[in-house]
Every structure is written in structure tokens, then in C-alpha cells.
Amino acid sequence: MKNIKHLFTIALCFISTLLLAQDKQDEIIAVWDTGEAKVEIYKVDERYIGNPINPEGKRNTEIEVLNLTYEDGKWVGKIYSKKRGRLLDVECQLKEDKLLLEVTARFVSAELEWVKAK
């Protein structure tokens, strides 16, 4: 009986840890103001996709700005650079209501800051 209680406690701790991690990684799901446009980030399976919001306030699914996965406490993947016309590597982290993006093109990196849209 004692072993069953211990097993149950361990299972409960494991499940709660998974649920808390899931909540953390989903914090990126929102509409973000880039300073030039708004981008909606949403989840599809285990990926986080970002599409621009058109002037009517709807997601433009024809343009994919971000394609991310959650790894080791941050979101990593690709971001589309309109200026360069290609995909670049990106790492994203949340700090309060700001999304901090580190974009890398070969050996050069730049930092961007998006704010959660109200």
C-alpha cells in the first residue's frame, strides 16, 4: 500500500510538471506589435506559427512570418526577413509583456523587441 502511494505521488508530480511546462511554452500565443505591423502567434501541433494581421484585423495565413518550436525554455526556429527576402534563424524569449527576438544571419545577429498588443 505504501508503494502505491509513493508511485501515485511521483506520477502526480510528473504530470503537474508537464502541465506547467505546457502553460509556459504557450505564453507566446498572442498578437504582437512589431512596431511596423501586428503578428498573431498561434500553435499548430507542437509548432508556433506567426502570421501578420491584415488591415481588417484578420490573420493572413498566406504569409508565414515565424515558425518556432519550444526548446530548453525558449522558442527557436525561423523568421522571415522582408528586407532580405529570406528566412533567418531566430531565438525568442518572453520578458513580461515583451517578446525578445535574437535574429541571426550567418555571423551577424540583431535583437528585436515586440510588445504584446492590447
Protein backbone atom coordinates (compact mmCIF):
# COMPACT_ATOMS: atom_id res chain seq x y z
CA MET A 1 0.00 0.00 0.00
CA LYS A 2 2.87 2.35 0.85
CA ASN A 3 4.49 1.72 -2.54
CA ILE A 4 1.26 2.58 -4.35
CA LYS A 5 1.06 5.91 -2.52
CA HIS A 6 4.65 6.72 -3.49
CA LEU A 7 4.02 5.78 -7.10
CA PHE A 8 0.88 7.91 -7.15
CA THR A 9 2.76 10.88 -5.67
CA ILE A 10 5.57 10.57 -8.22
CA ALA A 11 3.08 10.29 -11.10
CA LEU A 12 1.18 13.34 -9.86
CA CYS A 13 4.39 15.39 -9.62
CA PHE A 14 5.41 14.35 -13.13
CA ILE A 15 2.02 15.23 -14.64
CA SER A 16 1.88 18.62 -12.90
CA THR A 17 5.40 19.43 -14.14
CA LEU A 18 4.36 18.64 -17.70
CA LEU A 19 1.24 20.79 -17.40
CA LEU A 20 3.19 23.75 -16.01
CA ALA A 21 5.77 23.46 -18.79
CA GLN A 22 2.95 23.39 -21.35
CA ASP A 23 1.48 26.60 -19.90
CA LYS A 24 4.90 28.29 -20.02
CA GLN A 25 5.55 27.47 -23.64
CA ASP A 26 2.07 28.60 -24.68
CA GLU A 27 2.63 32.08 -23.21
CA ILE A 28 3.90 33.18 -26.62
CA ILE A 29 0.40 32.70 -28.09
CA ALA A 30 -0.89 36.25 -28.61
CA VAL A 31 -0.99 39.16 -31.02
CA TRP A 32 2.32 41.05 -31.02
CA ASP A 33 3.07 44.58 -32.19
CA THR A 34 6.38 44.66 -34.09
CA GLY A 35 6.40 48.43 -34.46
CA GLU A 36 5.65 48.07 -38.18
CA ALA A 37 2.80 45.56 -38.12
CA LYS A 38 0.98 43.13 -35.87
CA VAL A 39 1.72 39.41 -35.88
CA GLU A 40 -0.51 36.70 -34.41
CA ILE A 41 1.31 33.71 -32.96
CA TYR A 42 -0.71 30.53 -32.53
CA LYS A 43 0.02 26.85 -32.03
CA VAL A 44 -0.30 24.09 -34.62
CA ASP A 45 0.61 20.69 -33.17
CA GLU A 46 3.99 21.36 -31.48
CA ARG A 47 4.91 24.39 -33.64
CA TYR A 48 4.25 28.07 -33.06
CA ILE A 49 3.33 29.89 -36.25
CA GLY A 50 3.24 33.66 -36.72
CA ASN A 51 1.18 35.38 -39.39
CA PRO A 52 0.68 39.10 -39.98
CA ILE A 53 -2.65 40.69 -39.16
CA ASN A 54 -4.22 42.41 -42.18
CA PRO A 55 -5.88 45.86 -42.01
CA GLU A 56 -9.25 44.19 -41.33
CA GLY A 57 -7.78 42.61 -38.18
CA LYS A 58 -7.68 39.05 -39.55
CA ARG A 59 -4.75 36.65 -39.71
CA ASN A 60 -3.14 36.48 -43.17
CA THR A 61 -2.32 32.77 -43.44
CA GLU A 62 -0.70 33.21 -46.85
CA ILE A 63 2.35 34.80 -45.22
CA GLU A 64 4.23 32.90 -42.52
CA VAL A 65 6.50 35.24 -40.55
CA LEU A 66 7.53 32.83 -37.76
CA ASN A 67 7.89 29.08 -37.43
CA LEU A 68 9.09 28.07 -33.95
CA THR A 69 9.42 25.17 -31.55
CA TYR A 70 9.88 25.36 -27.78
CA GLU A 71 13.26 24.02 -26.65
CA ASP A 72 15.12 24.47 -23.35
CA GLY A 73 13.00 27.36 -22.09
CA LYS A 74 12.96 29.39 -25.31
CA TRP A 75 11.38 29.34 -28.75
CA VAL A 76 13.71 28.65 -31.68
CA GLY A 77 13.14 28.48 -35.40
CA LYS A 78 12.90 30.71 -38.43
CA ILE A 79 11.70 34.26 -39.04
CA TYR A 80 11.03 35.75 -42.44
CA SER A 81 13.05 38.88 -43.18
CA LYS A 82 11.11 41.10 -45.55
CA LYS A 83 14.21 43.27 -46.03
CA ARG A 84 16.41 40.31 -47.02
CA GLY A 85 13.63 38.30 -48.66
CA ARG A 86 14.58 35.05 -46.90
CA LEU A 87 14.30 33.04 -43.69
CA LEU A 88 16.72 33.70 -40.84
CA ASP A 89 17.40 31.86 -37.58
CA VAL A 90 15.66 33.28 -34.52
CA GLU A 91 15.54 32.65 -30.77
CA CYS A 92 12.71 34.17 -28.75
CA GLN A 93 12.22 34.71 -25.04
CA LEU A 94 9.45 36.34 -23.06
CA LYS A 95 10.07 39.08 -20.53
CA GLU A 96 6.80 40.25 -19.01
CA ASP A 97 4.69 41.51 -21.94
CA LYS A 98 7.63 41.76 -24.35
CA LEU A 99 8.89 39.20 -26.82
CA LEU A 100 12.66 39.46 -27.25
CA LEU A 101 13.92 38.10 -30.56
CA GLU A 102 17.54 37.43 -31.46
CA VAL A 103 17.77 37.12 -35.24
CA THR A 104 20.90 35.61 -36.77
CA ALA A 105 22.06 35.89 -40.37
CA ARG A 106 25.27 33.91 -40.69
CA PHE A 107 27.66 35.56 -38.23
CA VAL A 108 25.66 38.74 -37.62
CA SER A 109 22.83 38.96 -35.12
CA ALA A 110 20.30 41.62 -34.25
CA GLU A 111 17.89 41.96 -31.37
CA LEU A 112 14.24 42.91 -31.81
CA GLU A 113 11.56 43.62 -29.25
CA TRP A 114 7.87 43.03 -29.88
CA VAL A 115 5.19 44.18 -27.45
CA LYS A 116 2.00 42.27 -26.70
CA ALA A 117 -0.83 44.09 -28.48
CA LYS A 118 -3.65 45.37 -26.32
